[in-house]
């Protein structure tokens, strides 16, 4: 098996470990716990596949509404699946959010809500606070995505502009019991940051959101700034009595995906080392750090001995400065390739487990010892492409993109560095 084939097998094992059909059924309530209706709601790139897993394993009646990204729908018979835009929200997402909130407000104390949430839900449930518009939400999303803010910081801002996030969806479900099943795509697996926490209490404030806006110099529409400065529409706080009958379970997370990949590495003679499941920071800077570690292993035998596989996850960020096609994983990988300088014993794959890196329907890419040489021979300057935020253009031109199509799950970034003896 070539290094590229082995890394692809590890990536596929990571994705397979977080499939909803595998991780959702063990967390379903027992039928005897539901005296009224079981109503399924949810949002995210994996939410339709999660809904199908519920249908396949729930013996009784159920109804519901779930919104997922275009192309990520899975056929369901009892749960309605709506598709909308990600990462910049659209009118379809707005309409679905309105319907979901109305459905929540119709529930009784005998009903049980099963809320299925995965990464991408922030954009897929774009219900603005009174006084704001969808266009306001779109402008803020674009500005946040280009700012270099972390996912936690971005979601702090989003929670304070939403009529459905930051615990508001769970509050609307009161007095029904709410069971939330989460596929984590955020460093640290904090429920408040997964899809901006529509069913969990939020301790952050409008003042916190404004501080983030100032920190990154984000230009806000006037009405958005007014809402944040007024502090009149705070999110639902932990301990709110409307959250008394809620419970939250993380059913899949980045760590288990890395552990699944580690088993594949070990089976092929590479000692696996999971560095972290929660690495954040500028993608190109993370690439440099991983490159320095890989070179230390290859040249010094420290802190690990080759052959080995260095695994990591999390969510890096890209501060857009160029005009390229973007992608945080390919930006990290291109920076890594430049820093390792074609070392003969170092290979790497970096990609997003949802199959979409940035705005492209491309999961990520592979780099090896010959990456830079082939690029120079083809007249593709690596440093210039990195400066232009054009990782997808760079690896696509070399035929080294990793394309999975919709994976129907989302446990964030996946990175593996293979080092030969």
Protein backbone atom coordinates (compact mmCIF):
# COMPACT_ATOMS: atom_id res chain seq x y z
CA UNK A 1 0.00 0.00 0.00
CA UNK A 2 1.42 3.38 -1.01
CA UNK A 3 1.62 6.20 1.56
CA UNK A 4 -1.17 8.00 -0.31
CA UNK A 5 -3.37 4.90 -0.22
CA UNK A 6 -2.71 4.38 3.48
CA UNK A 7 -3.57 7.98 4.32
CA UNK A 8 -6.78 7.74 2.30
CA UNK A 9 -7.67 4.55 4.19
CA UNK A 10 -7.09 6.35 7.49
CA UNK A 11 -9.25 9.29 6.39
CA UNK A 12 -12.03 6.93 5.32
CA UNK A 13 -11.85 5.09 8.66
CA UNK A 14 -12.18 8.41 10.49
CA UNK A 15 -15.28 9.31 8.47
CA UNK A 16 -16.81 5.84 8.88
CA UNK A 17 -16.43 5.97 12.66
CA UNK A 18 -18.69 9.03 12.84
CA UNK A 19 -21.50 7.85 10.60
CA UNK A 20 -24.94 8.60 12.13
CA UNK A 21 -26.16 5.06 11.45
CA UNK A 22 -23.50 3.85 13.87
CA UNK A 23 -23.50 6.52 16.57
CA UNK A 24 -27.12 7.75 16.84
CA UNK A 25 -29.13 4.58 17.72
CA UNK A 26 -27.46 3.92 21.12
CA UNK A 27 -28.64 7.33 22.34
CA UNK A 28 -32.32 7.13 21.40
CA UNK A 29 -34.89 7.24 24.22
CA UNK A 30 -36.82 4.09 25.05
CA UNK A 31 -40.34 3.96 23.57
CA UNK A 32 -41.82 3.63 27.08
CA UNK A 33 -40.29 7.00 27.95
CA UNK A 34 -42.47 8.80 25.38
CA UNK A 35 -46.10 9.19 26.39
CA UNK A 36 -47.00 11.86 23.82
CA UNK A 37 -45.47 12.63 20.44
CA UNK A 38 -41.85 12.09 19.45
CA UNK A 39 -40.96 15.13 17.35
CA UNK A 40 -37.63 15.25 15.53
CA UNK A 41 -36.04 18.59 14.68
CA UNK A 42 -32.49 19.48 13.77
CA UNK A 43 -29.93 21.10 11.53
CA UNK A 44 -26.46 20.46 10.16
CA UNK A 45 -24.57 18.70 7.44
CA UNK A 46 -25.16 15.32 9.12
CA UNK A 47 -28.70 15.99 10.35
CA UNK A 48 -30.51 14.23 7.49
CA UNK A 49 -28.42 11.08 7.95
CA UNK A 50 -29.10 11.34 11.69
CA UNK A 51 -32.82 11.58 10.95
CA UNK A 52 -32.65 8.45 8.81
CA UNK A 53 -30.91 6.60 11.64
CA UNK A 54 -33.76 7.59 13.96
CA UNK A 55 -36.38 6.38 11.47
CA UNK A 56 -34.57 3.08 11.01
CA UNK A 57 -34.51 2.37 14.76
CA UNK A 58 -37.67 3.98 16.17
CA UNK A 59 -40.59 1.53 16.27
CA UNK A 60 -43.38 4.00 16.98
CA UNK A 61 -44.85 7.09 15.40
CA UNK A 62 -42.75 10.18 14.85
CA UNK A 63 -42.84 13.41 12.90
CA UNK A 64 -40.36 16.16 12.35
CA UNK A 65 -38.40 18.66 10.30
CA UNK A 66 -34.66 18.71 9.68
CA UNK A 67 -32.59 21.11 7.54
CA UNK A 68 -29.31 20.10 5.91
CA UNK A 69 -26.86 21.43 3.32
CA UNK A 70 -27.67 21.20 -0.38
CA UNK A 71 -26.56 17.79 -1.59
CA UNK A 72 -26.62 16.22 1.88
CA UNK A 73 -30.26 15.08 1.93
CA UNK A 74 -31.07 11.47 2.82
CA UNK A 75 -34.51 10.02 1.97
CA UNK A 76 -36.82 9.81 4.99
CA UNK A 77 -40.45 8.74 5.19
CA UNK A 78 -41.70 10.38 8.41
CA UNK A 79 -39.28 13.26 8.92
CA UNK A 80 -39.28 16.10 6.41
CA UNK A 81 -35.83 16.97 5.05
CA UNK A 82 -35.22 20.52 3.83
CA UNK A 83 -32.04 21.64 2.07
CA UNK A 84 -30.46 25.07 2.42
CA UNK A 85 -27.18 26.92 1.85
CA UNK A 86 -23.91 26.69 3.79
CA UNK A 87 -21.69 28.47 4.82
CA UNK A 88 -23.58 31.64 3.82
CA UNK A 89 -27.29 31.24 4.69
CA UNK A 90 -30.15 31.63 2.22
CA UNK A 91 -33.92 32.06 2.10
CA UNK A 92 -34.55 28.31 2.23
CA UNK A 93 -32.74 28.11 5.57
CA UNK A 94 -34.66 31.11 6.86
CA UNK A 95 -38.02 29.55 5.94
CA UNK A 96 -37.02 26.23 7.56
CA UNK A 97 -35.95 28.00 10.77
CA UNK A 98 -39.27 29.82 11.00
CA UNK A 99 -41.18 26.57 10.55
CA UNK A 100 -39.03 24.79 13.13
CA UNK A 101 -39.57 27.49 15.73
CA UNK A 102 -43.32 27.39 15.10
CA UNK A 103 -43.30 23.60 15.49
CA UNK A 104 -41.41 23.92 18.78
CA UNK A 105 -43.92 26.41 20.12
CA UNK A 106 -46.80 23.93 19.53
CA UNK A 107 -45.44 21.25 21.88
CA UNK A 108 -46.93 20.08 25.19
CA UNK A 109 -45.48 18.63 28.38
CA UNK A 110 -46.29 15.09 27.15
CA UNK A 111 -44.16 15.47 24.01
CA UNK A 112 -40.50 14.54 23.59
CA UNK A 113 -38.30 16.48 21.22
CA UNK A 114 -35.32 14.72 19.66
CA UNK A 115 -33.04 17.48 18.39
CA UNK A 116 -30.36 16.34 15.92
CA UNK A 117 -27.52 18.84 15.63
CA UNK A 118 -24.26 18.72 13.70
CA UNK A 119 -21.74 21.16 12.30
CA UNK A 120 -23.12 23.60 9.76
CA UNK A 121 -26.29 24.24 11.74
CA UNK A 122 -25.38 27.88 12.37
CA UNK A 123 -25.72 28.76 8.69
CA UNK A 124 -28.63 26.37 8.10
CA UNK A 125 -30.87 27.96 10.78
CA UNK A 126 -30.53 31.68 10.00
CA UNK A 127 -33.45 33.18 11.90
CA UNK A 128 -32.55 36.83 12.67
CA UNK A 129 -33.66 38.66 15.78
CA UNK A 130 -36.48 41.20 15.31
CA UNK A 131 -35.13 44.23 13.48
CA UNK A 132 -32.54 42.24 11.53
CA UNK A 133 -32.78 40.71 8.05
CA UNK A 134 -31.40 37.70 6.23
CA UNK A 135 -29.14 40.09 4.33
CA UNK A 136 -27.72 41.28 7.66
CA UNK A 137 -26.99 37.68 8.67
CA UNK A 138 -25.35 36.97 5.31
CA UNK A 139 -23.12 40.04 5.59
CA UNK A 140 -22.04 39.12 9.12
CA UNK A 141 -21.34 35.51 8.12
CA UNK A 142 -19.15 36.56 5.21
CA UNK A 143 -17.24 39.00 7.40
CA UNK A 144 -16.71 36.40 10.13
CA UNK A 145 -15.50 33.76 7.66
CA UNK A 146 -12.89 36.15 6.26
CA UNK A 147 -11.78 37.61 9.60
CA UNK A 148 -9.60 34.86 11.03
CA UNK A 149 -11.82 34.51 14.11
CA UNK A 150 -12.00 31.06 15.73
CA UNK A 151 -15.16 28.99 15.43
CA UNK A 152 -15.96 29.68 19.08
CA UNK A 153 -15.65 33.42 18.52
CA UNK A 154 -17.74 33.30 15.36
CA UNK A 155 -20.50 31.38 17.10
CA UNK A 156 -20.51 33.79 20.04
CA UNK A 157 -21.41 36.56 17.60
CA UNK A 158 -23.96 34.40 15.77
CA UNK A 159 -25.75 33.39 18.99
CA UNK A 160 -26.45 37.03 19.82
CA UNK A 161 -28.03 37.82 16.46
CA UNK A 162 -30.33 34.81 16.30
CA UNK A 163 -33.91 34.15 17.33
CA UNK A 164 -33.30 30.37 17.42
CA UNK A 165 -29.71 29.78 18.59
CA UNK A 166 -28.16 30.30 22.02
CA UNK A 167 -30.75 28.12 23.78
CA UNK A 168 -33.75 29.81 22.17
CA UNK A 169 -34.95 26.70 20.34
CA UNK A 170 -35.05 24.68 23.56
CA UNK A 171 -36.82 27.54 25.36
CA UNK A 172 -39.46 27.52 22.62
CA UNK A 173 -39.96 23.77 23.13
CA UNK A 174 -40.81 24.23 26.83
CA UNK A 175 -42.60 22.46 28.55
CA UNK A 176 -41.70 19.46 26.37
CA UNK A 177 -38.70 17.28 27.23
CA UNK A 178 -35.78 17.98 24.88
CA UNK A 179 -33.09 15.41 24.07
CA UNK A 180 -30.28 16.80 21.93
CA UNK A 181 -27.89 14.49 20.06
CA UNK A 182 -24.75 16.24 18.87
CA UNK A 183 -22.10 15.41 16.30
CA UNK A 184 -19.25 17.64 17.43
CA UNK A 185 -17.27 19.59 14.86
CA UNK A 186 -15.69 22.09 17.27
CA UNK A 187 -12.45 22.04 19.27
CA UNK A 188 -13.25 21.03 22.83
CA UNK A 189 -16.71 19.67 21.94
CA UNK A 190 -18.52 22.52 23.76
CA UNK A 191 -22.26 22.07 23.06
CA UNK A 192 -22.80 25.87 22.95
CA UNK A 193 -20.50 26.07 19.92
CA UNK A 194 -21.93 23.17 17.90
CA UNK A 195 -24.30 24.93 15.47
CA UNK A 196 -24.23 27.86 17.94
CA UNK A 197 -26.06 25.88 20.62
CA UNK A 198 -29.78 26.15 19.77
CA UNK A 199 -30.78 23.93 22.72
CA UNK A 200 -28.20 24.73 25.41
CA UNK A 201 -27.75 27.68 27.73
CA UNK A 202 -25.26 30.36 26.75
CA UNK A 203 -23.23 32.21 29.37
CA UNK A 204 -21.71 34.68 26.88
CA UNK A 205 -23.19 38.14 26.39
CA UNK A 206 -23.78 40.77 23.75
CA UNK A 207 -20.78 42.60 25.22
CA UNK A 208 -18.64 39.52 24.51
CA UNK A 209 -19.85 39.49 20.92
CA UNK A 210 -19.00 43.18 20.50
CA UNK A 211 -15.51 42.59 21.90
CA UNK A 212 -14.92 39.93 19.23
CA UNK A 213 -16.16 42.28 16.53
CA UNK A 214 -13.72 44.94 17.67
CA UNK A 215 -10.85 42.46 18.04
CA UNK A 216 -11.02 41.48 14.38
CA UNK A 217 -12.10 44.82 12.97
CA UNK A 218 -15.32 43.37 11.56
CA UNK A 219 -17.58 45.87 9.83
CA UNK A 220 -21.20 45.40 10.91
CA UNK A 221 -24.40 46.68 9.34
CA UNK A 222 -25.72 49.57 11.46
CA UNK A 223 -28.78 47.67 12.68
CA UNK A 224 -26.64 44.68 13.74
CA UNK A 225 -24.36 46.89 15.81
CA UNK A 226 -27.42 48.54 17.38
CA UNK A 227 -28.84 45.16 18.44
CA UNK A 228 -25.55 44.12 20.07
CA UNK A 229 -25.01 47.45 21.77
CA UNK A 230 -28.53 47.52 23.21
CA UNK A 231 -28.16 44.09 24.84
CA UNK A 232 -31.95 43.86 24.78
CA UNK A 233 -32.15 40.38 23.23
CA UNK A 234 -29.74 38.28 25.25
CA UNK A 235 -29.41 34.55 24.65
CA UNK A 236 -30.96 32.04 27.06
CA UNK A 237 -28.68 31.59 30.06
CA UNK A 238 -27.71 28.37 31.88
CA UNK A 239 -30.16 27.70 34.69
CA UNK A 240 -33.12 29.21 32.84
CA UNK A 241 -36.23 27.27 34.03
CA UNK A 242 -37.25 26.66 30.41
CA UNK A 243 -34.17 24.43 30.08
CA UNK A 244 -35.02 22.29 33.11
CA UNK A 245 -36.19 19.33 31.02
CA UNK A 246 -33.34 19.27 28.52
CA UNK A 247 -30.46 16.82 28.15
CA UNK A 248 -27.53 16.75 25.77
CA UNK A 249 -25.43 13.87 24.43
CA UNK A 250 -22.39 14.05 22.17
CA UNK A 251 -22.70 10.97 19.96
CA UNK A 252 -19.58 11.48 17.81
CA UNK A 253 -16.53 13.72 18.10
CA UNK A 254 -13.12 14.34 16.51
CA UNK A 255 -11.24 12.22 19.06
CA UNK A 256 -13.03 8.99 18.12
CA UNK A 257 -12.37 9.66 14.42
CA UNK A 258 -8.65 10.07 15.13
CA UNK A 259 -8.67 6.87 17.18
CA UNK A 260 -10.24 4.98 14.27
CA UNK A 261 -7.53 6.27 11.93
CA UNK A 262 -4.86 5.36 14.48
CA UNK A 263 -5.96 1.72 14.36
CA UNK A 264 -5.44 1.66 10.59
CA UNK A 265 -1.96 3.16 10.94
CA UNK A 266 -0.96 0.62 13.58
CA UNK A 267 -2.22 -2.26 11.45
CA UNK A 268 0.18 -1.17 8.70
CA UNK A 269 3.25 -0.79 10.88
CA UNK A 270 3.10 2.94 11.68
CA UNK A 271 3.07 3.87 15.36
CA UNK A 272 0.15 6.32 15.74
CA UNK A 273 0.46 9.45 17.85
CA UNK A 274 -2.63 11.63 18.37
CA UNK A 275 -1.24 15.12 18.94
CA UNK A 276 -4.57 16.81 19.68
CA UNK A 277 -8.20 16.76 18.56
CA UNK A 278 -8.56 20.52 19.14
CA UNK A 279 -5.83 22.41 17.28
CA UNK A 280 -6.80 25.97 16.36
CA UNK A 281 -4.98 28.96 14.88
CA UNK A 282 -4.06 30.31 11.45
CA UNK A 283 -3.94 27.37 9.03
CA UNK A 284 -0.58 28.35 7.54
CA UNK A 285 0.96 28.70 11.02
CA UNK A 286 -0.33 25.28 12.07
CA UNK A 287 1.18 23.88 8.87
CA UNK A 288 4.59 25.29 9.80
CA UNK A 289 4.44 23.83 13.32
CA UNK A 290 3.44 20.38 12.05
CA UNK A 291 6.25 20.57 9.49
CA UNK A 292 8.81 21.40 12.18
CA UNK A 293 7.63 18.44 14.24
CA UNK A 294 7.73 16.10 11.24
CA UNK A 295 11.29 17.18 10.39
CA UNK A 296 12.39 16.67 13.99
CA UNK A 297 11.01 13.13 13.91
CA UNK A 298 12.53 12.35 10.52
CA UNK A 299 15.97 13.84 11.21
CA UNK A 300 16.40 13.48 14.98
CA UNK A 301 14.12 10.63 15.99
CA UNK A 302 12.46 12.94 18.50
CA UNK A 303 9.96 13.03 20.11
CA UNK A 304 8.86 9.91 18.22
CA UNK A 305 10.61 7.20 16.23
CA UNK A 306 9.72 6.55 12.59
CA UNK A 307 7.81 4.84 11.11
CA UNK A 308 4.96 6.76 12.69
CA UNK A 309 1.76 8.63 11.95
CA UNK A 310 1.09 12.02 13.53
CA UNK A 311 -2.65 12.61 13.81
CA UNK A 312 -4.51 15.78 14.70
CA UNK A 313 -7.91 17.44 14.42
CA UNK A 314 -9.59 20.68 15.39
CA UNK A 315 -10.48 23.69 13.28
CA UNK A 316 -7.94 26.13 11.92
CA UNK A 317 -8.83 29.51 10.44
CA UNK A 318 -7.81 31.49 7.37
CA UNK A 319 -7.55 35.25 7.27
CA UNK A 320 -8.33 35.99 3.64
CA UNK A 321 -5.83 38.27 1.96
CA UNK A 322 -5.67 36.88 -1.58
CA UNK A 323 -8.11 36.07 -4.36
CA UNK A 324 -7.69 32.27 -4.40
CA UNK A 325 -10.19 29.49 -3.83
CA UNK A 326 -9.45 29.14 -0.12
CA UNK A 327 -9.84 26.06 2.08
CA UNK A 328 -8.29 25.92 5.56
CA UNK A 329 -7.06 22.33 5.24
CA UNK A 330 -5.37 22.85 1.89
CA UNK A 331 -3.88 26.13 3.14
CA UNK A 332 -2.43 24.25 6.11
CA UNK A 333 -1.14 21.49 3.82
CA UNK A 334 0.46 23.88 1.33
CA UNK A 335 2.24 25.68 4.16
CA UNK A 336 3.36 22.28 5.48
CA UNK A 337 4.68 21.20 2.07
CA UNK A 338 6.67 24.42 1.66
CA UNK A 339 8.18 24.05 5.14
CA UNK A 340 9.15 20.37 4.76
CA UNK A 341 10.93 21.21 1.49
CA UNK A 342 10.30 17.90 -0.25
CA UNK A 343 11.73 15.73 2.51
CA UNK A 344 11.96 12.20 1.09
CA UNK A 345 10.33 10.44 4.07
CA UNK A 346 7.41 12.75 4.82
CA UNK A 347 3.86 12.52 3.43
CA UNK A 348 0.66 14.21 4.59
CA UNK A 349 -3.10 14.32 4.01
CA UNK A 350 -5.31 17.07 5.37
CA UNK A 351 -9.05 17.33 4.84
CA UNK A 352 -12.46 18.10 6.30
CA UNK A 353 -14.50 15.07 7.38
CA UNK A 354 -17.68 16.58 5.93
CA UNK A 355 -16.17 16.47 2.42
CA UNK A 356 -16.12 20.26 1.99
CA UNK A 357 -13.04 22.37 2.69
CA UNK A 358 -14.03 26.04 2.55
CA UNK A 359 -16.42 26.79 -0.29
CA UNK A 360 -15.27 23.91 -2.50
CA UNK A 361 -16.83 20.46 -2.94
CA UNK A 362 -13.36 19.10 -2.18
CA UNK A 363 -12.41 17.52 1.15
CA UNK A 364 -8.71 18.35 1.09
CA UNK A 365 -5.49 17.15 -0.52
CA UNK A 366 -2.37 14.98 -0.28
CA UNK A 367 1.27 16.13 -0.31
CA UNK A 368 4.44 14.07 -0.64
CA UNK A 369 8.17 14.37 -1.28
CA UNK A 370 7.65 15.26 -4.97
CA UNK A 371 4.89 17.88 -4.48
CA UNK A 372 7.09 20.98 -4.74
CA UNK A 373 9.20 19.60 -7.60
CA UNK A 374 6.13 18.78 -9.67
CA UNK A 375 4.68 22.21 -8.95
CA UNK A 376 7.83 24.03 -10.07
CA UNK A 377 8.04 21.85 -13.20
CA UNK A 378 4.44 22.81 -14.05
CA UNK A 379 5.10 26.50 -13.49
CA UNK A 380 3.00 26.65 -10.31
CA UNK A 381 4.77 28.75 -7.64
CA UNK A 382 3.87 27.33 -4.19
CA UNK A 383 4.61 30.46 -2.17
CA UNK A 384 2.61 32.67 -4.51
CA UNK A 385 -0.37 30.31 -4.32
CA UNK A 386 -0.17 30.31 -0.52
CA UNK A 387 -0.03 34.11 -0.42
CA UNK A 388 -3.13 34.15 -2.63
CA UNK A 389 -5.03 31.70 -0.36
CA UNK A 390 -5.22 29.31 -3.31
CA UNK A 391 -4.53 25.89 -1.84
CA UNK A 392 -7.34 24.30 -3.83
CA UNK A 393 -5.99 25.74 -7.06
CA UNK A 394 -2.48 24.49 -6.24
CA UNK A 395 -3.35 20.90 -5.37
CA UNK A 396 -6.06 20.67 -8.00
CA UNK A 397 -3.56 21.55 -10.72
CA UNK A 398 -1.30 18.72 -9.50
CA UNK A 399 -4.15 16.20 -9.36
CA UNK A 400 -3.67 15.78 -5.61
CA UNK A 401 -7.10 16.88 -4.37
CA UNK A 402 -9.06 14.51 -2.14
CA UNK A 403 -12.70 14.38 -3.24
CA UNK A 404 -15.16 12.29 -1.22
CA UNK A 405 -18.53 13.78 -2.11
CA UNK A 406 -21.00 14.30 0.76
CA UNK A 407 -19.83 12.16 3.69
CA UNK A 408 -23.07 12.68 5.68
CA UNK A 409 -21.08 13.35 8.85
CA UNK A 410 -18.94 16.15 10.26
CA UNK A 411 -16.30 15.81 12.98
CA UNK A 412 -14.13 18.62 11.64
CA UNK A 413 -10.58 18.69 10.33
CA UNK A 414 -8.47 15.56 9.90
CA UNK A 415 -4.71 15.67 9.48
CA UNK A 416 -2.23 12.82 9.19
CA UNK A 417 1.54 13.05 8.65
CA UNK A 418 3.31 9.81 7.75
CA UNK A 419 7.04 9.58 8.43
CA UNK A 420 9.09 6.68 7.02
CA UNK A 421 12.17 5.29 8.78
